[in-house]
């Protein structure tokens, strides 16, 4: 986790980096950034 952000009044970690440490050096296999957050919705599987 590399940073926090406030979504709907809640401060949560929203940027992540995941790496493996290999003999040849670090291998970054995931960069994740949450850009929007919805929860407790009536229709969780409905697309916009």
PDB file of N, CA and C in Angstrom:
ATOM      1  N   UNK A   1       0.845  -1.149   0.000  1.00  0.00           N
ATOM      2  CA  UNK A   1       0.000   0.000   0.000  1.00  0.00           C
ATOM      3  C   UNK A   1       0.904   1.229   0.000  1.00  0.00           C
ATOM      4  N   UNK A   2       0.597   2.155  -0.897  1.00  0.00           N
ATOM      5  CA  UNK A   2       1.483   3.312  -1.012  1.00  0.00           C
ATOM      6  C   UNK A   2       0.815   4.652  -0.731  1.00  0.00           C
ATOM      7  N   UNK A   3      -0.534   4.681  -0.650  1.00  0.00           N
ATOM      8  CA  UNK A   3      -1.201   5.968  -0.409  1.00  0.00           C
ATOM      9  C   UNK A   3      -2.624   5.737   0.082  1.00  0.00           C
ATOM     10  N   UNK A   4      -3.188   6.769   0.722  1.00  0.00           N
ATOM     11  CA  UNK A   4      -4.572   6.745   1.216  1.00  0.00           C
ATOM     12  C   UNK A   4      -5.383   7.831   0.525  1.00  0.00           C
ATOM     13  N   UNK A   5      -6.711   7.635   0.501  1.00  0.00           N
ATOM     14  CA  UNK A   5      -7.619   8.610  -0.076  1.00  0.00           C
ATOM     15  C   UNK A   5      -8.963   8.496   0.645  1.00  0.00           C
ATOM     16  N   UNK A   6      -9.740   9.578   0.658  1.00  0.00           N
ATOM     17  CA  UNK A   6     -11.048   9.567   1.315  1.00  0.00           C
ATOM     18  C   UNK A   6     -12.124   9.277   0.265  1.00  0.00           C
ATOM     19  N   UNK A   7     -12.892   8.216   0.506  1.00  0.00           N
ATOM     20  CA  UNK A   7     -14.047   7.846  -0.311  1.00  0.00           C
ATOM     21  C   UNK A   7     -15.267   7.835   0.595  1.00  0.00           C
ATOM     22  N   UNK A   8     -16.274   8.638   0.263  1.00  0.00           N
ATOM     23  CA  UNK A   8     -17.525   8.672   1.028  1.00  0.00           C
ATOM     24  C   UNK A   8     -17.281   8.860   2.528  1.00  0.00           C
ATOM     25  N   UNK A   9     -16.307   9.683   2.874  1.00  0.00           N
ATOM     26  CA  UNK A   9     -16.032   9.981   4.268  1.00  0.00           C
ATOM     27  C   UNK A   9     -15.121   8.985   4.970  1.00  0.00           C
ATOM     28  N   UNK A  10     -14.645   7.960   4.272  1.00  0.00           N
ATOM     29  CA  UNK A  10     -13.760   6.953   4.866  1.00  0.00           C
ATOM     30  C   UNK A  10     -12.389   7.020   4.208  1.00  0.00           C
ATOM     31  N   UNK A  11     -11.366   7.137   5.029  1.00  0.00           N
ATOM     32  CA  UNK A  11      -9.993   7.143   4.518  1.00  0.00           C
ATOM     33  C   UNK A  11      -9.519   5.696   4.404  1.00  0.00           C
ATOM     34  N   UNK A  12      -9.198   5.289   3.172  1.00  0.00           N
ATOM     35  CA  UNK A  12      -8.761   3.913   2.937  1.00  0.00           C
ATOM     36  C   UNK A  12      -7.493   3.902   2.084  1.00  0.00           C
ATOM     37  N   UNK A  13      -6.700   2.826   2.161  1.00  0.00           N
ATOM     38  CA  UNK A  13      -5.590   2.686   1.224  1.00  0.00           C
ATOM     39  C   UNK A  13      -6.151   2.464  -0.173  1.00  0.00           C
ATOM     40  N   UNK A  14      -5.618   3.172  -1.166  1.00  0.00           N
ATOM     41  CA  UNK A  14      -6.176   3.056  -2.509  1.00  0.00           C
ATOM     42  C   UNK A  14      -5.137   2.773  -3.586  1.00  0.00           C
ATOM     43  N   UNK A  15      -3.860   2.837  -3.253  1.00  0.00           N
ATOM     44  CA  UNK A  15      -2.806   2.509  -4.221  1.00  0.00           C
ATOM     45  C   UNK A  15      -1.958   1.383  -3.639  1.00  0.00           C
ATOM     46  N   UNK A  16      -1.710   0.391  -4.487  1.00  0.00           N
ATOM     47  CA  UNK A  16      -0.953  -0.775  -4.056  1.00  0.00           C
ATOM     48  C   UNK A  16       0.090  -1.137  -5.095  1.00  0.00           C
ATOM     49  N   UNK A  17       1.207  -1.650  -4.634  1.00  0.00           N
ATOM     50  CA  UNK A  17       2.233  -2.227  -5.498  1.00  0.00           C
ATOM     51  C   UNK A  17       2.645  -3.552  -4.873  1.00  0.00           C
ATOM     52  N   UNK A  18       2.688  -4.613  -5.702  1.00  0.00           N
ATOM     53  CA  UNK A  18       3.081  -5.932  -5.215  1.00  0.00           C
ATOM     54  C   UNK A  18       4.261  -6.400  -6.055  1.00  0.00           C
ATOM     55  N   UNK A  19       5.329  -6.806  -5.373  1.00  0.00           N
ATOM     56  CA  UNK A  19       6.544  -7.245  -6.069  1.00  0.00           C
ATOM     57  C   UNK A  19       7.067  -8.543  -5.483  1.00  0.00           C
ATOM     58  N   UNK A  20       7.747  -9.313  -6.315  1.00  0.00           N
ATOM     59  CA  UNK A  20       8.490 -10.471  -5.869  1.00  0.00           C
ATOM     60  C   UNK A  20       9.959 -10.090  -5.867  1.00  0.00           C
ATOM     61  N   UNK A  21      10.669 -10.539  -4.865  1.00  0.00           N
ATOM     62  CA  UNK A  21      12.109 -10.306  -4.818  1.00  0.00           C
ATOM     63  C   UNK A  21      12.806 -11.542  -5.391  1.00  0.00           C
ATOM     64  N   UNK A  22      13.333 -11.384  -6.599  1.00  0.00           N
ATOM     65  CA  UNK A  22      14.006 -12.473  -7.294  1.00  0.00           C
ATOM     66  C   UNK A  22      15.516 -12.259  -7.269  1.00  0.00           C
ATOM     67  N   UNK A  23      16.268 -13.287  -7.621  1.00  0.00           N
ATOM     68  CA  UNK A  23      17.728 -13.165  -7.696  1.00  0.00           C
ATOM     69  C   UNK A  23      18.132 -12.059  -8.663  1.00  0.00           C
ATOM     70  N   UNK A  24      17.383 -11.933  -9.773  1.00  0.00           N
ATOM     71  CA  UNK A  24      17.700 -10.952 -10.806  1.00  0.00           C
ATOM     72  C   UNK A  24      17.282  -9.534 -10.418  1.00  0.00           C
ATOM     73  N   UNK A  25      16.517  -9.409  -9.334  1.00  0.00           N
ATOM     74  CA  UNK A  25      16.018  -8.110  -8.899  1.00  0.00           C
ATOM     75  C   UNK A  25      14.518  -8.181  -8.641  1.00  0.00           C
ATOM     76  N   UNK A  26      13.950  -7.086  -8.236  1.00  0.00           N
ATOM     77  CA  UNK A  26      12.521  -7.048  -7.935  1.00  0.00           C
ATOM     78  C   UNK A  26      11.691  -7.190  -9.209  1.00  0.00           C
ATOM     79  N   UNK A  27      10.627  -7.997  -9.120  1.00  0.00           N
ATOM     80  CA  UNK A  27       9.690  -8.175 -10.222  1.00  0.00           C
ATOM     81  C   UNK A  27       8.339  -7.639  -9.766  1.00  0.00           C
ATOM     82  N   UNK A  28       7.927  -6.504 -10.312  1.00  0.00           N
ATOM     83  CA  UNK A  28       6.653  -5.895  -9.957  1.00  0.00           C
ATOM     84  C   UNK A  28       5.565  -6.547 -10.795  1.00  0.00           C
ATOM     85  N   UNK A  29       4.612  -7.221 -10.136  1.00  0.00           N
ATOM     86  CA  UNK A  29       3.572  -7.917 -10.895  1.00  0.00           C
ATOM     87  C   UNK A  29       2.177  -7.333 -10.688  1.00  0.00           C
ATOM     88  N   UNK A  30       2.028  -6.313  -9.842  1.00  0.00           N
ATOM     89  CA  UNK A  30       0.718  -5.691  -9.672  1.00  0.00           C
ATOM     90  C   UNK A  30       0.861  -4.233  -9.286  1.00  0.00           C
ATOM     91  N   UNK A  31       0.194  -3.352 -10.020  1.00  0.00           N
ATOM     92  CA  UNK A  31      -0.015  -1.956  -9.655  1.00  0.00           C
ATOM     93  C   UNK A  31      -1.521  -1.758  -9.649  1.00  0.00           C
ATOM     94  N   UNK A  32      -2.087  -1.425  -8.499  1.00  0.00           N
ATOM     95  CA  UNK A  32      -3.532  -1.314  -8.358  1.00  0.00           C
ATOM     96  C   UNK A  32      -3.888   0.046  -7.798  1.00  0.00           C
ATOM     97  N   UNK A  33      -4.889   0.694  -8.401  1.00  0.00           N
ATOM     98  CA  UNK A  33      -5.385   1.966  -7.893  1.00  0.00           C
ATOM     99  C   UNK A  33      -6.907   1.930  -7.887  1.00  0.00           C
ATOM    100  N   UNK A  34      -7.512   2.133  -6.730  1.00  0.00           N
ATOM    101  CA  UNK A  34      -8.962   2.209  -6.606  1.00  0.00           C
ATOM    102  C   UNK A  34      -9.368   3.629  -6.960  1.00  0.00           C
ATOM    103  N   UNK A  35     -10.266   3.764  -7.938  1.00  0.00           N
ATOM    104  CA  UNK A  35     -10.679   5.090  -8.399  1.00  0.00           C
ATOM    105  C   UNK A  35     -12.095   5.448  -7.962  1.00  0.00           C
ATOM    106  N   UNK A  36     -12.892   4.445  -7.592  1.00  0.00           N
ATOM    107  CA  UNK A  36     -14.267   4.683  -7.161  1.00  0.00           C
ATOM    108  C   UNK A  36     -14.647   3.572  -6.201  1.00  0.00           C
ATOM    109  N   UNK A  37     -15.489   3.877  -5.223  1.00  0.00           N
ATOM    110  CA  UNK A  37     -15.867   2.890  -4.232  1.00  0.00           C
ATOM    111  C   UNK A  37     -17.347   3.024  -3.921  1.00  0.00           C
ATOM    112  N   UNK A  38     -18.079   1.929  -4.092  1.00  0.00           N
ATOM    113  CA  UNK A  38     -19.485   1.866  -3.720  1.00  0.00           C
ATOM    114  C   UNK A  38     -19.664   0.659  -2.802  1.00  0.00           C
ATOM    115  N   UNK A  39     -20.532   0.784  -1.826  1.00  0.00           N
ATOM    116  CA  UNK A  39     -20.784  -0.332  -0.926  1.00  0.00           C
ATOM    117  C   UNK A  39     -22.215  -0.254  -0.426  1.00  0.00           C
ATOM    118  N   UNK A  40     -22.732  -1.393   0.013  1.00  0.00           N
ATOM    119  CA  UNK A  40     -24.102  -1.507   0.512  1.00  0.00           C
ATOM    120  C   UNK A  40     -25.110  -0.964  -0.490  1.00  0.00           C
ATOM    121  N   UNK A  41     -24.934  -1.281  -1.768  1.00  0.00           N
ATOM    122  CA  UNK A  41     -25.878  -0.829  -2.788  1.00  0.00           C
ATOM    123  C   UNK A  41     -27.003  -1.847  -2.926  1.00  0.00           C
ATOM    124  N   UNK A  42     -28.169  -1.423  -3.392  1.00  0.00           N
ATOM    125  CA  UNK A  42     -29.299  -2.314  -3.550  1.00  0.00           C
ATOM    126  C   UNK A  42     -29.119  -3.284  -4.718  1.00  0.00           C
ATOM    127  N   UNK A  43     -28.410  -2.864  -5.762  1.00  0.00           N
ATOM    128  CA  UNK A  43     -28.187  -3.672  -6.944  1.00  0.00           C
ATOM    129  C   UNK A  43     -26.690  -3.805  -7.189  1.00  0.00           C
ATOM    130  N   UNK A  44     -25.988  -4.665  -6.422  1.00  0.00           N
ATOM    131  CA  UNK A  44     -24.525  -4.699  -6.528  1.00  0.00           C
ATOM    132  C   UNK A  44     -24.000  -5.166  -7.882  1.00  0.00           C
ATOM    133  N   UNK A  45     -24.797  -5.896  -8.677  1.00  0.00           N
ATOM    134  CA  UNK A  45     -24.290  -6.421  -9.944  1.00  0.00           C
ATOM    135  C   UNK A  45     -24.796  -5.646 -11.155  1.00  0.00           C
ATOM    136  N   UNK A  46     -25.474  -4.567 -10.916  1.00  0.00           N
ATOM    137  CA  UNK A  46     -25.975  -3.745 -12.010  1.00  0.00           C
ATOM    138  C   UNK A  46     -24.835  -2.896 -12.561  1.00  0.00           C
ATOM    139  N   UNK A  47     -24.672  -2.886 -13.876  1.00  0.00           N
ATOM    140  CA  UNK A  47     -23.627  -2.065 -14.492  1.00  0.00           C
ATOM    141  C   UNK A  47     -24.178  -0.710 -14.855  1.00  0.00           C
ATOM    142  N   UNK A  48     -23.293   0.243 -14.939  1.00  0.00           N
ATOM    143  CA  UNK A  48     -23.701   1.619 -15.271  1.00  0.00           C
ATOM    144  C   UNK A  48     -23.662   1.837 -16.749  1.00  0.00           C
TER     145      UNK A  48
END
